[in-house]
């Protein structure tokens, strides 16, 4: 799976706003555009959409900007991705009414890919915006355990 640029930038805007939540002045589009090398006009459209979805409060004019309208803990990343991604059809046969495949009677690929997409979204459903900006020191991620046998002659 690959996220669209729209979703990538949406997540960046939300993360930036969450990281700046404690400061007095609101975040500006120019600030994010300059910090991430993103077009201001593109970000303006994203911010407008996030405001319409009730995720950002926006204020125009001098001293204006944007702030999260909800707590970062209440913003679910899976829900954001579902709102911003327009197409979860991984292969042509996912399209409604597409019956052109000669293997459709025997194919199990479609079911496997649906399961993979559901698993992908389930992982995102378990993450909040707050999880994405938490300091590294507070997150305790355990390294995967290696099941390989040690190479002879090398220290363990």
N, C-alpha and C. Protein backbone atom coordinates (compact mmCIF):
# COMPACT_ATOMS: atom_id res chain seq x y z
N UNK A 1 0.85 -1.19 0.00
CA UNK A 1 0.00 0.00 0.00
C UNK A 1 0.89 1.24 0.00
N UNK A 2 0.42 2.23 -0.66
CA UNK A 2 1.13 3.49 -0.68
C UNK A 2 0.11 4.61 -0.49
N UNK A 3 0.42 5.48 0.45
CA UNK A 3 -0.47 6.61 0.69
C UNK A 3 -0.27 7.67 -0.39
N UNK A 4 -1.35 8.37 -0.71
CA UNK A 4 -1.25 9.47 -1.65
C UNK A 4 -0.52 10.63 -0.98
N UNK A 5 -0.04 11.54 -1.80
CA UNK A 5 0.62 12.73 -1.30
C UNK A 5 -0.36 13.54 -0.44
N UNK A 6 -1.63 13.54 -0.82
CA UNK A 6 -2.66 14.26 -0.07
C UNK A 6 -2.72 13.75 1.37
N UNK A 7 -2.74 12.43 1.54
CA UNK A 7 -2.80 11.84 2.87
C UNK A 7 -1.51 12.11 3.64
N UNK A 8 -0.38 11.99 2.97
CA UNK A 8 0.91 12.27 3.60
C UNK A 8 0.92 13.69 4.15
N UNK A 9 0.54 14.65 3.35
CA UNK A 9 0.53 16.05 3.78
C UNK A 9 -0.52 16.29 4.86
N UNK A 10 -1.65 15.61 4.78
CA UNK A 10 -2.68 15.73 5.81
C UNK A 10 -2.13 15.29 7.16
N UNK A 11 -1.45 14.16 7.17
CA UNK A 11 -0.87 13.67 8.42
C UNK A 11 0.21 14.61 8.93
N UNK A 12 1.00 15.18 8.04
CA UNK A 12 2.04 16.14 8.46
C UNK A 12 1.43 17.37 9.10
N UNK A 13 0.35 17.89 8.51
CA UNK A 13 -0.32 19.06 9.07
C UNK A 13 -0.84 18.74 10.47
N UNK A 14 -1.51 17.62 10.61
CA UNK A 14 -2.04 17.24 11.92
C UNK A 14 -0.93 17.03 12.94
N UNK A 15 0.13 16.36 12.54
CA UNK A 15 1.24 16.12 13.46
C UNK A 15 1.90 17.43 13.87
N UNK A 16 2.10 18.34 12.94
CA UNK A 16 2.72 19.62 13.24
C UNK A 16 1.85 20.40 14.23
N UNK A 17 0.54 20.42 13.97
CA UNK A 17 -0.37 21.13 14.87
C UNK A 17 -0.37 20.50 16.26
N UNK A 18 -0.33 19.18 16.32
CA UNK A 18 -0.30 18.48 17.61
C UNK A 18 0.98 18.79 18.37
N UNK A 19 2.10 18.82 17.64
CA UNK A 19 3.39 19.09 18.28
C UNK A 19 3.46 20.52 18.81
N UNK A 20 2.69 21.42 18.22
CA UNK A 20 2.71 22.85 18.61
C UNK A 20 1.52 23.23 19.49
N UNK A 21 0.78 22.28 19.97
CA UNK A 21 -0.44 22.53 20.72
C UNK A 21 -0.24 23.42 21.94
N UNK A 22 0.89 23.30 22.59
CA UNK A 22 1.11 24.02 23.85
C UNK A 22 1.50 25.49 23.65
N UNK A 23 1.88 25.87 22.45
CA UNK A 23 2.32 27.26 22.27
C UNK A 23 1.13 28.21 22.14
N UNK A 24 1.40 29.48 22.41
CA UNK A 24 0.34 30.49 22.42
C UNK A 24 -0.18 30.82 21.03
N UNK A 25 0.72 31.00 20.06
CA UNK A 25 0.29 31.42 18.73
C UNK A 25 -0.08 30.19 17.88
N UNK A 26 -1.08 30.37 17.01
CA UNK A 26 -1.48 29.24 16.17
C UNK A 26 -0.44 28.93 15.09
N UNK A 27 -0.53 27.75 14.54
CA UNK A 27 0.35 27.31 13.45
C UNK A 27 -0.15 27.97 12.16
N UNK A 28 0.78 28.34 11.28
CA UNK A 28 0.37 28.93 10.01
C UNK A 28 0.71 27.98 8.86
N UNK A 29 -0.01 28.17 7.78
CA UNK A 29 0.24 27.38 6.57
C UNK A 29 1.65 27.65 6.06
N UNK A 30 2.07 28.90 6.09
CA UNK A 30 3.41 29.26 5.63
C UNK A 30 4.48 28.54 6.43
N UNK A 31 4.29 28.46 7.71
CA UNK A 31 5.23 27.78 8.61
C UNK A 31 5.41 26.31 8.20
N UNK A 32 4.30 25.62 7.96
CA UNK A 32 4.37 24.22 7.56
C UNK A 32 4.93 24.09 6.15
N UNK A 33 4.49 24.95 5.24
CA UNK A 33 4.97 24.90 3.86
C UNK A 33 6.48 25.08 3.81
N UNK A 34 6.98 26.06 4.53
CA UNK A 34 8.43 26.30 4.55
C UNK A 34 9.19 25.16 5.23
N UNK A 35 8.64 24.65 6.31
CA UNK A 35 9.30 23.60 7.07
C UNK A 35 9.36 22.27 6.34
N UNK A 36 8.39 22.00 5.48
CA UNK A 36 8.32 20.72 4.79
C UNK A 36 8.51 20.82 3.28
N UNK A 37 8.69 22.03 2.77
CA UNK A 37 8.87 22.20 1.33
C UNK A 37 7.63 21.81 0.54
N UNK A 38 6.47 22.20 1.05
CA UNK A 38 5.19 21.87 0.41
C UNK A 38 4.55 23.16 -0.10
N UNK A 39 3.87 23.07 -1.22
CA UNK A 39 3.17 24.22 -1.81
C UNK A 39 2.13 24.78 -0.84
N UNK A 40 2.14 26.10 -0.68
CA UNK A 40 1.14 26.76 0.18
C UNK A 40 -0.27 26.52 -0.32
N UNK A 41 -0.46 26.59 -1.63
CA UNK A 41 -1.82 26.41 -2.16
C UNK A 41 -2.32 24.99 -1.93
N UNK A 42 -1.44 24.02 -2.03
CA UNK A 42 -1.82 22.63 -1.76
C UNK A 42 -2.20 22.47 -0.28
N UNK A 43 -1.40 23.05 0.60
CA UNK A 43 -1.69 22.97 2.03
C UNK A 43 -2.99 23.70 2.39
N UNK A 44 -3.27 24.79 1.70
CA UNK A 44 -4.50 25.54 1.96
C UNK A 44 -5.72 24.66 1.72
N UNK A 45 -5.70 23.87 0.66
CA UNK A 45 -6.81 22.96 0.36
C UNK A 45 -6.93 21.89 1.44
N UNK A 46 -5.81 21.37 1.88
CA UNK A 46 -5.81 20.33 2.91
C UNK A 46 -6.34 20.89 4.22
N UNK A 47 -5.87 22.07 4.61
CA UNK A 47 -6.31 22.70 5.85
C UNK A 47 -7.81 22.99 5.79
N UNK A 48 -8.28 23.44 4.64
CA UNK A 48 -9.71 23.70 4.47
C UNK A 48 -10.52 22.41 4.70
N UNK A 49 -10.06 21.31 4.11
CA UNK A 49 -10.74 20.03 4.29
C UNK A 49 -10.71 19.57 5.75
N UNK A 50 -9.56 19.71 6.41
CA UNK A 50 -9.45 19.32 7.81
C UNK A 50 -10.37 20.16 8.69
N UNK A 51 -10.54 21.42 8.35
CA UNK A 51 -11.47 22.28 9.07
C UNK A 51 -12.91 21.82 8.87
N UNK A 52 -13.26 21.46 7.63
CA UNK A 52 -14.61 20.99 7.33
C UNK A 52 -14.91 19.66 8.02
N UNK A 53 -13.87 18.86 8.26
CA UNK A 53 -14.04 17.57 8.93
C UNK A 53 -14.06 17.70 10.45
N UNK A 54 -13.87 18.91 10.95
CA UNK A 54 -13.90 19.13 12.39
C UNK A 54 -12.62 18.76 13.11
N UNK A 55 -11.51 18.67 12.37
CA UNK A 55 -10.23 18.34 13.00
C UNK A 55 -9.39 19.57 13.32
N UNK A 56 -9.57 20.63 12.54
CA UNK A 56 -8.81 21.87 12.76
C UNK A 56 -9.76 23.05 12.93
N UNK A 57 -9.34 23.96 13.80
CA UNK A 57 -10.00 25.26 13.92
C UNK A 57 -9.11 26.24 13.16
N UNK A 58 -9.68 26.97 12.23
CA UNK A 58 -8.87 27.91 11.46
C UNK A 58 -9.37 29.33 11.68
N UNK A 59 -8.41 30.26 11.70
CA UNK A 59 -8.70 31.68 11.86
C UNK A 59 -7.95 32.44 10.78
N UNK A 60 -8.66 33.29 10.06
CA UNK A 60 -8.04 34.06 8.97
C UNK A 60 -7.48 35.38 9.50
N UNK A 61 -6.62 35.96 8.67
CA UNK A 61 -6.12 37.29 8.97
C UNK A 61 -4.88 37.32 9.85
N UNK A 62 -4.50 38.55 10.18
CA UNK A 62 -3.31 38.77 11.02
C UNK A 62 -3.50 38.07 12.36
N UNK A 63 -2.51 37.31 12.76
CA UNK A 63 -2.59 36.58 14.01
C UNK A 63 -3.39 35.29 13.88
N UNK A 64 -3.84 35.00 12.66
CA UNK A 64 -4.62 33.79 12.44
C UNK A 64 -3.74 32.57 12.24
N UNK A 65 -4.38 31.48 11.99
CA UNK A 65 -3.67 30.23 11.79
C UNK A 65 -4.60 29.07 12.08
N UNK A 66 -4.03 28.00 12.58
CA UNK A 66 -4.84 26.81 12.85
C UNK A 66 -4.40 26.12 14.12
N UNK A 67 -5.36 25.44 14.72
CA UNK A 67 -5.13 24.64 15.91
C UNK A 67 -5.99 23.38 15.80
N UNK A 68 -5.56 22.35 16.51
CA UNK A 68 -6.39 21.15 16.57
C UNK A 68 -7.70 21.49 17.25
N UNK A 69 -8.78 21.01 16.72
CA UNK A 69 -10.10 21.23 17.31
C UNK A 69 -10.42 20.13 18.33
N UNK A 70 -9.72 19.01 18.21
CA UNK A 70 -9.88 17.87 19.12
C UNK A 70 -8.53 17.58 19.77
N UNK A 71 -8.54 16.88 20.88
CA UNK A 71 -7.30 16.42 21.49
C UNK A 71 -6.63 15.44 20.55
N UNK A 72 -5.31 15.45 20.53
CA UNK A 72 -4.55 14.53 19.67
C UNK A 72 -4.89 13.07 20.00
N UNK A 73 -5.22 12.79 21.25
CA UNK A 73 -5.57 11.43 21.66
C UNK A 73 -6.89 10.97 21.04
N UNK A 74 -7.72 11.92 20.62
CA UNK A 74 -9.04 11.59 20.08
C UNK A 74 -9.04 11.44 18.56
N UNK A 75 -7.93 11.78 17.92
CA UNK A 75 -7.86 11.71 16.46
C UNK A 75 -7.25 10.38 16.05
N UNK A 76 -8.07 9.54 15.43
CA UNK A 76 -7.66 8.20 15.02
C UNK A 76 -7.05 8.24 13.62
N UNK A 77 -5.86 7.70 13.49
CA UNK A 77 -5.13 7.75 12.22
C UNK A 77 -5.83 6.90 11.15
N UNK A 78 -6.38 5.77 11.53
CA UNK A 78 -7.12 4.95 10.56
C UNK A 78 -8.28 5.72 9.96
N UNK A 79 -9.01 6.45 10.79
CA UNK A 79 -10.14 7.25 10.30
C UNK A 79 -9.67 8.36 9.36
N UNK A 80 -8.55 9.00 9.71
CA UNK A 80 -8.01 10.06 8.85
C UNK A 80 -7.62 9.49 7.49
N UNK A 81 -6.95 8.36 7.49
CA UNK A 81 -6.53 7.74 6.22
C UNK A 81 -7.74 7.35 5.39
N UNK A 82 -8.77 6.81 6.01
CA UNK A 82 -9.98 6.44 5.27
C UNK A 82 -10.65 7.67 4.65
N UNK A 83 -10.58 8.82 5.35
CA UNK A 83 -11.20 10.05 4.85
C UNK A 83 -10.40 10.66 3.70
N UNK A 84 -9.10 10.45 3.68
CA UNK A 84 -8.27 11.11 2.67
C UNK A 84 -7.92 10.24 1.48
N UNK A 85 -7.89 8.93 1.67
CA UNK A 85 -7.58 8.03 0.56
C UNK A 85 -8.87 7.76 -0.21
N UNK A 86 -8.78 7.80 -1.51
CA UNK A 86 -9.97 7.62 -2.34
C UNK A 86 -10.07 6.23 -2.93
N UNK A 87 -9.00 5.45 -2.88
CA UNK A 87 -9.00 4.18 -3.59
C UNK A 87 -8.20 3.12 -2.84
N UNK A 88 -8.91 2.14 -2.32
CA UNK A 88 -8.25 1.01 -1.69
C UNK A 88 -8.28 -0.22 -2.60
N UNK A 89 -8.60 -0.02 -3.87
CA UNK A 89 -8.61 -1.13 -4.83
C UNK A 89 -7.18 -1.42 -5.26
N UNK A 90 -6.63 -2.49 -4.73
CA UNK A 90 -5.22 -2.82 -4.99
C UNK A 90 -5.00 -3.40 -6.39
N UNK A 91 -5.99 -4.07 -6.92
CA UNK A 91 -5.88 -4.65 -8.26
C UNK A 91 -7.18 -4.38 -9.01
N UNK A 92 -7.12 -4.54 -10.32
CA UNK A 92 -8.23 -4.23 -11.21
C UNK A 92 -9.52 -4.96 -10.84
N UNK A 93 -9.40 -6.20 -10.40
CA UNK A 93 -10.60 -6.99 -10.12
C UNK A 93 -11.37 -6.51 -8.89
N UNK A 94 -10.81 -5.56 -8.11
CA UNK A 94 -11.52 -4.99 -6.97
C UNK A 94 -12.63 -4.04 -7.42
N UNK A 95 -12.52 -3.55 -8.62
CA UNK A 95 -13.50 -2.59 -9.14
C UNK A 95 -14.87 -3.27 -9.23
N UNK A 96 -15.92 -2.62 -8.75
CA UNK A 96 -17.26 -3.21 -8.82
C UNK A 96 -17.65 -3.51 -10.28
N UNK A 97 -18.17 -4.68 -10.51
CA UNK A 97 -18.64 -5.04 -11.83
C UNK A 97 -17.56 -5.54 -12.78
N UNK A 98 -16.31 -5.58 -12.34
CA UNK A 98 -15.23 -6.04 -13.22
C UNK A 98 -15.20 -7.57 -13.20
N UNK A 99 -15.54 -8.16 -14.32
CA UNK A 99 -15.56 -9.63 -14.43
C UNK A 99 -14.71 -10.10 -15.60
N UNK A 100 -13.69 -9.35 -15.95
CA UNK A 100 -12.87 -9.67 -17.11
C UNK A 100 -11.81 -10.73 -16.85
N UNK A 101 -11.54 -11.04 -15.61
CA UNK A 101 -10.48 -11.98 -15.30
C UNK A 101 -10.92 -13.41 -15.59
N UNK A 102 -10.12 -14.13 -16.35
CA UNK A 102 -10.41 -15.51 -16.67
C UNK A 102 -10.18 -16.46 -15.52
N UNK A 103 -9.52 -15.99 -14.46
CA UNK A 103 -9.24 -16.83 -13.30
C UNK A 103 -10.24 -16.64 -12.16
N UNK A 104 -11.26 -15.82 -12.36
CA UNK A 104 -12.14 -15.44 -11.26
C UNK A 104 -12.79 -16.65 -10.57
N UNK A 105 -12.99 -17.75 -11.27
CA UNK A 105 -13.58 -18.94 -10.66
C UNK A 105 -12.62 -19.62 -9.68
N UNK A 106 -11.31 -19.45 -9.90
CA UNK A 106 -10.31 -20.16 -9.11
C UNK A 106 -9.41 -19.25 -8.28
N UNK A 107 -9.52 -17.97 -8.47
CA UNK A 107 -8.59 -17.02 -7.86
C UNK A 107 -8.90 -16.76 -6.39
N UNK A 108 -7.87 -16.76 -5.57
CA UNK A 108 -8.00 -16.43 -4.16
C UNK A 108 -7.22 -15.15 -3.82
N UNK A 109 -6.59 -14.57 -4.84
CA UNK A 109 -5.79 -13.35 -4.64
C UNK A 109 -6.64 -12.21 -4.09
N UNK A 110 -7.82 -12.04 -4.63
CA UNK A 110 -8.69 -10.95 -4.20
C UNK A 110 -8.96 -11.02 -2.70
N UNK A 111 -9.27 -12.22 -2.20
CA UNK A 111 -9.53 -12.39 -0.78
C UNK A 111 -8.31 -12.11 0.07
N UNK A 112 -7.15 -12.54 -0.39
CA UNK A 112 -5.90 -12.32 0.35
C UNK A 112 -5.59 -10.82 0.41
N UNK A 113 -5.77 -10.13 -0.70
CA UNK A 113 -5.50 -8.69 -0.73
C UNK A 113 -6.51 -7.91 0.10
N UNK A 114 -7.76 -8.35 0.12
CA UNK A 114 -8.75 -7.71 1.01
C UNK A 114 -8.33 -7.89 2.47
N UNK A 115 -7.86 -9.07 2.81
CA UNK A 115 -7.41 -9.35 4.18
C UNK A 115 -6.19 -8.50 4.52
N UNK A 116 -5.27 -8.36 3.58
CA UNK A 116 -4.08 -7.53 3.81
C UNK A 116 -4.47 -6.07 4.02
N UNK A 117 -5.40 -5.57 3.22
CA UNK A 117 -5.86 -4.18 3.38
C UNK A 117 -6.53 -3.99 4.73
N UNK A 118 -7.35 -4.96 5.12
CA UNK A 118 -8.03 -4.87 6.42
C UNK A 118 -7.01 -4.87 7.56
N UNK A 119 -5.96 -5.68 7.44
CA UNK A 119 -4.91 -5.72 8.47
C UNK A 119 -4.17 -4.39 8.53
N UNK A 120 -3.86 -3.83 7.37
CA UNK A 120 -3.18 -2.54 7.26
C UNK A 120 -3.99 -1.46 7.98
N UNK A 121 -5.29 -1.41 7.69
CA UNK A 121 -6.15 -0.41 8.31
C UNK A 121 -6.34 -0.68 9.79
N UNK A 122 -6.34 -1.95 10.21
CA UNK A 122 -6.47 -2.28 11.62
C UNK A 122 -5.28 -1.74 12.42
N UNK A 123 -4.09 -1.79 11.86
CA UNK A 123 -2.92 -1.23 12.53
C UNK A 123 -3.09 0.27 12.68
N UNK A 124 -3.54 0.94 11.63
CA UNK A 124 -3.75 2.40 11.70
C UNK A 124 -4.88 2.75 12.67
N UNK A 125 -5.88 1.89 12.77
CA UNK A 125 -6.99 2.13 13.71
C UNK A 125 -6.53 2.10 15.16
N UNK A 126 -5.41 1.45 15.43
CA UNK A 126 -4.89 1.34 16.79
C UNK A 126 -3.98 2.51 17.17
N UNK A 127 -3.85 3.49 16.27
CA UNK A 127 -2.92 4.61 16.49
C UNK A 127 -3.69 5.92 16.52
N UNK A 128 -3.32 6.77 17.47
CA UNK A 128 -3.88 8.12 17.53
C UNK A 128 -2.82 9.12 17.10
N UNK A 129 -3.26 10.33 16.86
CA UNK A 129 -2.32 11.40 16.52
C UNK A 129 -1.31 11.60 17.64
N UNK A 130 -1.74 11.46 18.86
CA UNK A 130 -0.82 11.61 20.01
C UNK A 130 0.29 10.56 19.95
N UNK A 131 -0.03 9.35 19.50
CA UNK A 131 0.99 8.31 19.38
C UNK A 131 2.07 8.69 18.38
N UNK A 132 1.71 9.45 17.36
CA UNK A 132 2.66 9.81 16.31
C UNK A 132 3.62 10.91 16.72
N UNK A 133 3.29 11.64 17.76
CA UNK A 133 4.17 12.74 18.17
C UNK A 133 4.77 12.52 19.54
N UNK A 134 4.53 11.37 20.13
CA UNK A 134 5.06 11.09 21.46
C UNK A 134 6.58 11.08 21.43
N UNK A 135 7.22 11.63 22.45
CA UNK A 135 8.68 11.59 22.50
C UNK A 135 9.18 10.15 22.46
N UNK A 136 10.27 9.94 21.77
CA UNK A 136 10.84 8.59 21.61
C UNK A 136 11.16 7.94 22.95
N UNK A 137 11.56 8.73 23.92
CA UNK A 137 11.95 8.18 25.22
C UNK A 137 10.77 7.55 25.96
N UNK A 138 9.55 8.03 25.70
CA UNK A 138 8.39 7.48 26.40
C UNK A 138 7.82 6.26 25.70
N UNK A 139 8.17 6.05 24.46
CA UNK A 139 7.70 4.89 23.72
C UNK A 139 8.69 3.76 23.90
N UNK A 140 8.24 2.64 24.36
CA UNK A 140 9.11 1.49 24.56
C UNK A 140 8.78 0.44 23.51
N UNK A 141 9.49 0.49 22.41
CA UNK A 141 9.29 -0.47 21.34
C UNK A 141 10.34 -1.55 21.50
N UNK A 142 9.88 -2.77 21.61
CA UNK A 142 10.80 -3.88 21.80
C UNK A 142 11.33 -4.32 20.44
N UNK A 143 12.63 -4.49 20.35
CA UNK A 143 13.25 -4.95 19.10
C UNK A 143 12.81 -6.37 18.83
N UNK A 144 12.61 -6.72 17.54
CA UNK A 144 12.21 -8.08 17.23
C UNK A 144 13.29 -9.08 17.64
N UNK A 145 12.86 -10.22 18.09
CA UNK A 145 13.78 -11.27 18.51
C UNK A 145 14.23 -12.03 17.28
N UNK A 146 15.53 -12.16 17.13
CA UNK A 146 16.08 -12.88 15.99
C UNK A 146 15.98 -14.38 16.24
N UNK A 147 15.49 -15.09 15.25
CA UNK A 147 15.35 -16.54 15.35
C UNK A 147 16.48 -17.26 14.62
N UNK A 148 17.41 -16.48 14.04
CA UNK A 148 18.53 -17.08 13.33
C UNK A 148 19.54 -17.67 14.30
N UNK A 149 20.13 -18.77 13.90
CA UNK A 149 21.20 -19.35 14.71
C UNK A 149 22.43 -18.47 14.58
N UNK A 150 23.22 -18.32 15.65
CA UNK A 150 24.40 -17.46 15.57
C UNK A 150 25.41 -18.03 14.57
N UNK A 151 26.09 -17.11 13.89
CA UNK A 151 27.12 -17.51 12.96
C UNK A 151 28.35 -17.98 13.74
N UNK A 152 28.85 -19.18 13.41
CA UNK A 152 30.03 -19.69 14.14
C UNK A 152 31.18 -18.71 14.05
N UNK A 153 31.85 -18.52 15.17
CA UNK A 153 33.02 -17.65 15.20
C UNK A 153 32.71 -16.20 15.51
N UNK A 154 31.43 -15.78 15.46
CA UNK A 154 31.06 -14.40 15.75
C UNK A 154 30.48 -14.32 17.15
N UNK A 155 30.75 -13.24 17.87
CA UNK A 155 30.19 -13.11 19.22
C UNK A 155 28.68 -13.01 19.16
N UNK A 156 28.04 -13.46 20.19
CA UNK A 156 26.58 -13.41 20.25
C UNK A 156 26.08 -12.07 20.63
